[in-house]
Amino acid sequence: MMRLALLLFLLSTQWVQAQKVDADLMHIKQRMDSVKQFSAAVTLNLDVPFIKMPTKRAQIKYVKGKKMAFSSDDFVLLPKRGLDFSLNEIFKHPFITVDRGTEKRDGRNLKVINVIPTDGKSDLVLVTLYMDTKAVRIVQSEVNTRKDGSYTLLMQYAKNADILPDYMEAGFAIERLKIPLNFMGRDTKIDRKKMRSMDTKTGKIKMQLSDYHIAMI
């Protein structure tokens, strides 16, 4: 009887802890919310085993409360989702967080949490965030969705005080790309034999950001 009571107590404690939204995440959101809008130049390189595409250049624009927008005079291949690091989608619907401890990377202790939406309207199923709580920013996110599969976003920052990354690496499933491979342009080569032989078709987009213009609230 005592063991059962102890087990119920531990489970109820974990449940109560899970109901609280992580304070460090809210601190990061508050910092991101201080950015009213920004724009930057982006250099993109596609890393897919069976696709050879030259380096592309684009512009990224963000206005608070809206999705990030990419534009280019050249053909640019982008996944449908996974490039927005503003946290807007996470906070669009109610959620709970679960503390998963810490993980050491490059000499830094990163706090790891799970974000679990509690509203069926959210397309997000589970988000894992790796947070640098000292620098007050997200270092990596792993997102699982209902409709668009899963994707990861790795972010690096030029300076310790920077709020926005100067390098991003997005991992995604090839079938989640915005357009068919047939429309990728003459400067792109596709090894279809290699593509068909691969069981798992995943890739990365590597993005270098520069020439930031940031407006703060």
Protein backbone atom coordinates (compact mmCIF):
# COMPACT_ATOMS: atom_id res chain seq x y z
CA MET A 1 0.00 0.00 0.00
CA MET A 2 2.83 2.35 0.89
CA ARG A 3 4.60 1.62 -2.42
CA LEU A 4 1.41 2.34 -4.37
CA ALA A 5 0.92 5.63 -2.55
CA LEU A 6 4.54 6.61 -3.24
CA LEU A 7 4.16 5.75 -6.92
CA LEU A 8 0.98 7.81 -7.20
CA PHE A 9 2.70 10.71 -5.46
CA LEU A 10 5.67 10.62 -7.86
CA LEU A 11 3.40 10.43 -10.89
CA SER A 12 1.26 13.31 -9.69
CA THR A 13 4.39 15.40 -9.00
CA GLN A 14 5.68 14.79 -12.53
CA TRP A 15 2.27 15.73 -13.94
CA VAL A 16 2.17 18.99 -11.98
CA GLN A 17 5.70 19.81 -13.14
CA ALA A 18 4.70 19.09 -16.74
CA GLN A 19 1.84 21.57 -16.52
CA LYS A 20 4.18 24.48 -15.92
CA VAL A 21 5.53 26.27 -18.97
CA ASP A 22 9.31 26.38 -18.69
CA ALA A 23 10.51 29.75 -17.35
CA ASP A 24 13.68 29.74 -19.48
CA LEU A 25 11.61 29.23 -22.62
CA MET A 26 9.40 32.17 -21.67
CA HIS A 27 12.52 34.26 -21.08
CA ILE A 28 13.76 33.42 -24.59
CA LYS A 29 10.33 34.23 -26.04
CA GLN A 30 10.35 37.59 -24.27
CA ARG A 31 13.73 38.35 -25.83
CA MET A 32 12.57 37.29 -29.30
CA ASP A 33 9.43 39.40 -28.88
CA SER A 34 11.66 42.45 -28.55
CA VAL A 35 12.49 42.08 -32.26
CA LYS A 36 9.86 44.07 -34.17
CA GLN A 37 11.19 43.12 -37.60
CA PHE A 38 14.40 42.25 -39.41
CA SER A 39 15.82 41.48 -42.82
CA ALA A 40 19.03 39.74 -43.89
CA ALA A 41 20.90 38.39 -46.90
CA VAL A 42 21.04 34.60 -47.07
CA THR A 43 23.49 32.32 -48.87
CA LEU A 44 21.99 28.85 -49.32
CA ASN A 45 23.65 25.51 -50.08
CA LEU A 46 21.62 22.35 -50.59
CA ASP A 47 23.10 19.18 -49.10
CA VAL A 48 21.27 16.23 -50.68
CA PRO A 49 23.18 13.09 -51.84
CA PHE A 50 21.49 12.87 -55.23
CA ILE A 51 21.05 16.58 -56.04
CA LYS A 52 23.78 18.98 -57.17
CA MET A 53 22.67 22.59 -57.00
CA PRO A 54 24.93 25.66 -57.11
CA THR A 55 25.01 28.11 -54.24
CA LYS A 56 21.92 30.32 -54.18
CA ARG A 57 21.27 33.73 -52.67
CA ALA A 58 18.09 35.12 -51.23
CA GLN A 59 16.62 37.64 -48.81
CA ILE A 60 14.85 36.80 -45.58
CA LYS A 61 12.31 39.15 -44.02
CA TYR A 62 10.47 38.91 -40.73
CA VAL A 63 7.73 40.99 -39.15
CA LYS A 64 6.63 40.17 -35.61
CA GLY A 65 3.56 37.94 -35.56
CA LYS A 66 4.04 36.74 -39.14
CA LYS A 67 5.95 33.89 -40.75
CA MET A 68 9.43 34.49 -42.10
CA ALA A 69 9.44 35.14 -45.84
CA PHE A 70 12.18 34.22 -48.35
CA SER A 71 12.57 35.91 -51.72
CA SER A 72 15.11 35.54 -54.54
CA ASP A 73 15.69 36.49 -58.17
CA ASP A 74 17.06 32.97 -58.69
CA PHE A 75 15.46 29.56 -58.23
CA VAL A 76 15.70 28.55 -54.57
CA LEU A 77 14.67 25.15 -53.26
CA LEU A 78 13.19 25.30 -49.76
CA PRO A 79 11.32 22.86 -47.55
CA LYS A 80 7.73 23.80 -46.80
CA ARG A 81 8.49 24.19 -43.11
CA GLY A 82 11.40 24.21 -40.74
CA LEU A 83 13.17 27.51 -41.42
CA ASP A 84 11.29 29.77 -39.00
CA PHE A 85 13.21 30.28 -35.75
CA SER A 86 10.89 32.97 -34.34
CA LEU A 87 8.99 30.55 -32.00
CA ASN A 88 5.69 31.89 -33.38
CA GLU A 89 4.31 28.47 -34.25
CA ILE A 90 5.06 27.01 -30.83
CA PHE A 91 3.16 29.75 -29.03
CA LYS A 92 0.23 29.77 -31.45
CA HIS A 93 -1.66 27.16 -29.38
CA PRO A 94 -1.64 26.11 -25.68
CA PHE A 95 1.07 23.67 -24.62
CA ILE A 96 2.90 22.16 -21.68
CA THR A 97 6.63 21.61 -21.27
CA VAL A 98 8.65 18.78 -19.76
CA ASP A 99 12.21 19.31 -18.51
CA ARG A 100 14.57 16.69 -19.97
CA GLY A 101 17.70 17.79 -18.15
CA THR A 102 20.88 19.11 -19.75
CA GLU A 103 23.21 18.10 -22.56
CA LYS A 104 26.77 19.33 -23.00
CA ARG A 105 27.78 20.59 -26.46
CA ASP A 106 30.90 22.50 -27.41
CA GLY A 107 31.63 23.19 -23.77
CA ARG A 108 28.14 24.55 -23.08
CA ASN A 109 25.44 23.01 -20.94
CA LEU A 110 22.22 23.17 -22.93
CA LYS A 111 18.87 22.79 -21.26
CA VAL A 112 16.61 20.31 -23.07
CA ILE A 113 12.82 20.51 -22.90
CA ASN A 114 9.88 18.92 -24.68
CA VAL A 115 7.04 21.15 -25.82
CA ILE A 116 3.76 19.25 -26.07
CA PRO A 117 0.71 21.01 -27.57
CA THR A 118 -2.54 20.49 -25.66
CA ASP A 119 -4.80 21.85 -28.40
CA GLY A 120 -5.85 19.56 -31.25
CA LYS A 121 -5.75 22.56 -33.61
CA SER A 122 -1.97 22.60 -33.48
CA ASP A 123 -0.15 20.76 -36.26
CA LEU A 124 2.78 20.24 -33.90
CA VAL A 125 2.95 16.89 -32.12
CA LEU A 126 6.20 17.22 -30.19
CA VAL A 127 8.97 19.81 -30.18
CA THR A 128 12.34 19.27 -28.50
CA LEU A 129 14.29 22.45 -27.78
CA TYR A 130 17.95 22.79 -26.83
CA MET A 131 18.37 26.11 -25.03
CA ASP A 132 21.43 28.11 -24.08
CA THR A 133 19.97 29.65 -20.95
CA LYS A 134 23.01 31.88 -20.29
CA ALA A 135 22.87 33.46 -23.75
CA VAL A 136 19.02 33.30 -23.68
CA ARG A 137 18.46 31.68 -27.08
CA ILE A 138 17.59 28.44 -28.87
CA VAL A 139 20.49 26.39 -30.26
CA GLN A 140 18.54 23.54 -31.84
CA SER A 141 14.95 22.45 -32.37
CA GLU A 142 13.55 19.07 -33.37
CA VAL A 143 9.96 19.31 -34.58
CA ASN A 144 7.44 16.54 -35.24
CA THR A 145 4.24 17.55 -37.04
CA ARG A 146 0.98 15.86 -38.00
CA LYS A 147 1.05 16.77 -41.71
CA ASP A 148 4.59 17.72 -42.69
CA GLY A 149 6.70 15.04 -41.06
CA SER A 150 9.67 15.95 -38.88
CA TYR A 151 12.52 18.38 -39.29
CA THR A 152 15.41 19.83 -37.33
CA LEU A 153 16.91 23.31 -37.16
CA LEU A 154 20.43 23.96 -35.89
CA MET A 155 21.44 27.56 -35.16
CA GLN A 156 24.84 29.16 -34.60
CA TYR A 157 25.57 32.71 -33.49
CA ALA A 158 28.51 34.97 -34.35
CA LYS A 159 28.63 36.67 -30.95
CA ASN A 160 27.53 35.63 -27.50
CA ALA A 161 25.19 38.63 -27.25
CA ASP A 162 23.51 38.07 -30.64
CA ILE A 163 19.78 37.36 -30.56
CA LEU A 164 19.61 36.14 -34.17
CA PRO A 165 21.76 33.40 -35.75
CA ASP A 166 24.34 33.97 -38.47
CA TYR A 167 24.18 30.31 -39.59
CA MET A 168 21.31 27.83 -39.77
CA GLU A 169 21.17 24.21 -40.86
CA ALA A 170 17.74 22.73 -41.57
CA GLY A 171 17.28 18.97 -41.89
CA PHE A 172 14.18 17.69 -43.68
CA ALA A 173 12.61 14.87 -45.69
CA ILE A 174 12.96 15.34 -49.46
CA GLU A 175 9.30 14.61 -50.11
CA ARG A 176 8.45 17.65 -47.98
CA LEU A 177 10.00 20.07 -50.47
CA LYS A 178 7.75 22.82 -51.81
CA ILE A 179 7.86 21.81 -55.48
CA PRO A 180 8.53 18.69 -57.62
CA LEU A 181 12.12 17.90 -58.54
CA ASN A 182 11.29 18.32 -62.25
CA PHE A 183 11.15 22.10 -61.79
CA MET A 184 14.51 22.63 -60.14
CA GLY A 185 16.13 24.48 -63.06
CA ARG A 186 18.80 23.81 -65.65
CA ASP A 187 21.68 24.53 -63.28
CA THR A 188 20.65 21.64 -61.03
CA LYS A 189 21.61 18.01 -61.65
CA ILE A 190 19.61 15.09 -60.25
CA ASP A 191 20.98 11.56 -59.99
CA ARG A 192 17.66 9.74 -60.25
CA LYS A 193 19.27 6.30 -60.06
CA LYS A 194 20.88 7.19 -56.75
CA MET A 195 17.65 8.80 -55.58
CA ARG A 196 15.63 5.62 -56.24
CA SER A 197 18.23 3.44 -54.49
CA MET A 198 18.06 5.40 -51.23
CA ASP A 199 15.72 4.07 -48.57
CA THR A 200 15.62 7.29 -46.59
CA LYS A 201 15.57 10.47 -48.64
CA THR A 202 16.68 13.25 -46.33
CA GLY A 203 18.67 16.39 -46.86
CA LYS A 204 19.88 19.64 -45.37
CA ILE A 205 19.81 23.28 -46.32
CA LYS A 206 22.78 25.25 -45.01
CA MET A 207 22.19 28.98 -44.68
CA GLN A 208 24.67 31.75 -43.95
CA LEU A 209 22.96 34.99 -42.86
CA SER A 210 24.56 38.41 -43.13
CA ASP A 211 23.81 42.13 -43.49
CA TYR A 212 21.17 42.10 -40.77
CA HIS A 213 18.85 45.09 -40.39
CA ILE A 214 17.01 44.74 -37.08
CA ALA A 215 14.30 46.95 -35.60
CA MET A 216 13.71 46.46 -31.87
CA ILE A 217 10.65 47.40 -29.85
